[in-house]
Amino acid sequence: MEIINTENFKEKVSEGLVLVDFFADWCGPCKMLAPVLERLAEEFGEDLHVYKVNVDNDMELARAFRVVSIPSLFLLKDGEVVNSTMGFQNIDALRKFVKSGL
């Protein structure tokens, strides 16, 4: 999964359905979530783009999204947030989360 930042964020999320994971390298639940997100990205294929934002490296973007806990997930459709959640989610919960934006 590609890590994005303030510089390329708008470009990456402007079209289609996008899931953005705000994470940190030191975060245990974030590490647990990573393989689940990879599996989700494989399942949805071209219908979903999954990106990560490292909150330690991009605090400005984390503040803009009012991230108070990680992992925080934001589902965007054509650049607009349509849903969000935080904390570890299992694959079934994430499937339902993504389908809420379809």
C-alpha atoms as a PDB file:
ATOM      1  CA  MET A   1       0.000   0.000   0.000  1.00  0.00           C
ATOM      2  CA  GLU A   2       1.241   3.408  -0.934  1.00  0.00           C
ATOM      3  CA  ILE A   3       1.969   5.991   1.727  1.00  0.00           C
ATOM      4  CA  ILE A   4       0.679   9.414   0.735  1.00  0.00           C
ATOM      5  CA  ASN A   5       1.158  12.859   2.259  1.00  0.00           C
ATOM      6  CA  THR A   6      -0.069  16.440   2.121  1.00  0.00           C
ATOM      7  CA  GLU A   7       1.683  17.042  -1.191  1.00  0.00           C
ATOM      8  CA  ASN A   8      -0.097  14.296  -3.160  1.00  0.00           C
ATOM      9  CA  PHE A   9      -3.195  13.694  -1.028  1.00  0.00           C
ATOM     10  CA  LYS A  10      -5.734  15.658  -3.096  1.00  0.00           C
ATOM     11  CA  GLU A  11      -4.514  14.094  -6.321  1.00  0.00           C
ATOM     12  CA  LYS A  12      -4.748  10.550  -4.935  1.00  0.00           C
ATOM     13  CA  VAL A  13      -8.224  10.860  -3.388  1.00  0.00           C
ATOM     14  CA  SER A  14      -9.942  13.042  -5.982  1.00  0.00           C
ATOM     15  CA  GLU A  15     -11.518  10.251  -8.050  1.00  0.00           C
ATOM     16  CA  GLY A  16     -13.304   7.037  -7.173  1.00  0.00           C
ATOM     17  CA  LEU A  17     -13.593   5.232  -3.867  1.00  0.00           C
ATOM     18  CA  VAL A  18     -10.564   5.627  -1.592  1.00  0.00           C
ATOM     19  CA  LEU A  19      -9.802   4.248   1.870  1.00  0.00           C
ATOM     20  CA  VAL A  20      -7.196   6.226   3.814  1.00  0.00           C
ATOM     21  CA  ASP A  21      -5.558   4.675   6.875  1.00  0.00           C
ATOM     22  CA  PHE A  22      -3.969   7.150   9.305  1.00  0.00           C
ATOM     23  CA  PHE A  23      -1.330   5.107  11.155  1.00  0.00           C
ATOM     24  CA  ALA A  24       2.031   5.180  12.947  1.00  0.00           C
ATOM     25  CA  ASP A  25       4.892   2.692  12.793  1.00  0.00           C
ATOM     26  CA  TRP A  26       4.846   2.228  16.591  1.00  0.00           C
ATOM     27  CA  CYS A  27       1.082   1.529  16.789  1.00  0.00           C
ATOM     28  CA  GLY A  28       0.217  -2.114  17.583  1.00  0.00           C
ATOM     29  CA  PRO A  29      -3.382  -2.032  16.283  1.00  0.00           C
ATOM     30  CA  CYS A  30      -2.096  -0.311  13.122  1.00  0.00           C
ATOM     31  CA  LYS A  31       0.309  -3.201  12.530  1.00  0.00           C
ATOM     32  CA  MET A  32      -2.527  -5.697  13.042  1.00  0.00           C
ATOM     33  CA  LEU A  33      -4.718  -3.787  10.587  1.00  0.00           C
ATOM     34  CA  ALA A  34      -2.146  -3.634   7.761  1.00  0.00           C
ATOM     35  CA  PRO A  35      -2.613  -7.213   6.457  1.00  0.00           C
ATOM     36  CA  VAL A  36      -6.395  -6.872   6.724  1.00  0.00           C
ATOM     37  CA  LEU A  37      -6.264  -3.735   4.578  1.00  0.00           C
ATOM     38  CA  GLU A  38      -4.052  -5.496   2.032  1.00  0.00           C
ATOM     39  CA  ARG A  39      -6.558  -8.323   1.772  1.00  0.00           C
ATOM     40  CA  LEU A  40      -9.403  -5.820   1.423  1.00  0.00           C
ATOM     41  CA  ALA A  41      -7.553  -3.987  -1.352  1.00  0.00           C
ATOM     42  CA  GLU A  42      -7.084  -7.284  -3.204  1.00  0.00           C
ATOM     43  CA  GLU A  43     -10.755  -8.222  -2.836  1.00  0.00           C
ATOM     44  CA  PHE A  44     -12.093  -4.903  -4.132  1.00  0.00           C
ATOM     45  CA  GLY A  45      -9.436  -4.534  -6.839  1.00  0.00           C
ATOM     46  CA  GLU A  46      -9.863  -1.456  -9.020  1.00  0.00           C
ATOM     47  CA  ASP A  47     -13.089  -0.475  -7.217  1.00  0.00           C
ATOM     48  CA  LEU A  48     -11.111   0.701  -4.184  1.00  0.00           C
ATOM     49  CA  HIS A  49      -7.794   2.478  -3.738  1.00  0.00           C
ATOM     50  CA  VAL A  50      -6.184   2.066  -0.311  1.00  0.00           C
ATOM     51  CA  TYR A  51      -3.581   4.548   0.927  1.00  0.00           C
ATOM     52  CA  LYS A  52      -1.799   5.152   4.225  1.00  0.00           C
ATOM     53  CA  VAL A  53      -0.851   8.404   5.965  1.00  0.00           C
ATOM     54  CA  ASN A  54       1.850   8.276   8.649  1.00  0.00           C
ATOM     55  CA  VAL A  55       0.634  10.645  11.367  1.00  0.00           C
ATOM     56  CA  ASP A  56       4.157  11.132  12.725  1.00  0.00           C
ATOM     57  CA  ASN A  57       5.393  12.354   9.345  1.00  0.00           C
ATOM     58  CA  ASP A  58       2.287  14.292   8.332  1.00  0.00           C
ATOM     59  CA  MET A  59       0.712  15.880  11.392  1.00  0.00           C
ATOM     60  CA  GLU A  60      -0.828  18.637   9.256  1.00  0.00           C
ATOM     61  CA  LEU A  61      -2.974  16.158   7.343  1.00  0.00           C
ATOM     62  CA  ALA A  62      -3.867  14.291  10.545  1.00  0.00           C
ATOM     63  CA  ARG A  63      -5.001  17.574  12.108  1.00  0.00           C
ATOM     64  CA  ALA A  64      -7.048  18.451   9.026  1.00  0.00           C
ATOM     65  CA  PHE A  65      -8.941  15.161   9.434  1.00  0.00           C
ATOM     66  CA  ARG A  66      -9.154  15.614  13.219  1.00  0.00           C
ATOM     67  CA  VAL A  67      -7.435  12.303  13.876  1.00  0.00           C
ATOM     68  CA  VAL A  68      -7.426  11.745  17.643  1.00  0.00           C
ATOM     69  CA  SER A  69      -6.774   8.010  17.725  1.00  0.00           C
ATOM     70  CA  ILE A  70      -5.029   5.592  15.401  1.00  0.00           C
ATOM     71  CA  PRO A  71      -5.659   3.693  13.330  1.00  0.00           C
ATOM     72  CA  SER A  72      -8.285   6.021  11.871  1.00  0.00           C
ATOM     73  CA  LEU A  73      -9.892   5.077   8.579  1.00  0.00           C
ATOM     74  CA  PHE A  74     -11.595   7.480   6.211  1.00  0.00           C
ATOM     75  CA  LEU A  75     -13.621   6.433   3.204  1.00  0.00           C
ATOM     76  CA  LEU A  76     -13.713   9.054   0.465  1.00  0.00           C
ATOM     77  CA  LYS A  77     -15.705   9.112  -2.735  1.00  0.00           C
ATOM     78  CA  ASP A  78     -14.518  11.539  -5.399  1.00  0.00           C
ATOM     79  CA  GLY A  79     -12.568  13.470  -2.758  1.00  0.00           C
ATOM     80  CA  GLU A  80     -15.356  13.780  -0.171  1.00  0.00           C
ATOM     81  CA  VAL A  81     -15.430  11.868   3.134  1.00  0.00           C
ATOM     82  CA  VAL A  82     -18.446   9.534   3.167  1.00  0.00           C
ATOM     83  CA  ASN A  83     -17.615   7.470   6.261  1.00  0.00           C
ATOM     84  CA  SER A  84     -14.993   7.071   8.974  1.00  0.00           C
ATOM     85  CA  THR A  85     -14.074   4.716  11.793  1.00  0.00           C
ATOM     86  CA  MET A  86     -11.225   4.171  14.194  1.00  0.00           C
ATOM     87  CA  GLY A  87      -9.469   1.260  15.804  1.00  0.00           C
ATOM     88  CA  PHE A  88      -8.765  -2.225  14.540  1.00  0.00           C
ATOM     89  CA  GLN A  89     -11.485  -3.646  12.290  1.00  0.00           C
ATOM     90  CA  ASN A  90     -11.808  -7.227  11.100  1.00  0.00           C
ATOM     91  CA  ILE A  91     -12.254  -8.038   7.416  1.00  0.00           C
ATOM     92  CA  ASP A  92     -16.044  -8.400   7.655  1.00  0.00           C
ATOM     93  CA  ALA A  93     -16.448  -5.012   9.325  1.00  0.00           C
ATOM     94  CA  LEU A  94     -14.182  -3.405   6.720  1.00  0.00           C
ATOM     95  CA  ARG A  95     -16.105  -4.955   3.840  1.00  0.00           C
ATOM     96  CA  LYS A  96     -19.318  -3.447   5.231  1.00  0.00           C
ATOM     97  CA  PHE A  97     -17.523  -0.125   5.795  1.00  0.00           C
ATOM     98  CA  VAL A  98     -16.334   0.012   2.159  1.00  0.00           C
ATOM     99  CA  LYS A  99     -19.713  -1.063   0.770  1.00  0.00           C
ATOM    100  CA  SER A 100     -21.302   1.873   2.606  1.00  0.00           C
ATOM    101  CA  GLY A 101     -19.575   4.113   0.064  1.00  0.00           C
ATOM    102  CA  LEU A 102     -20.466   2.190  -3.072  1.00  0.00           C
END
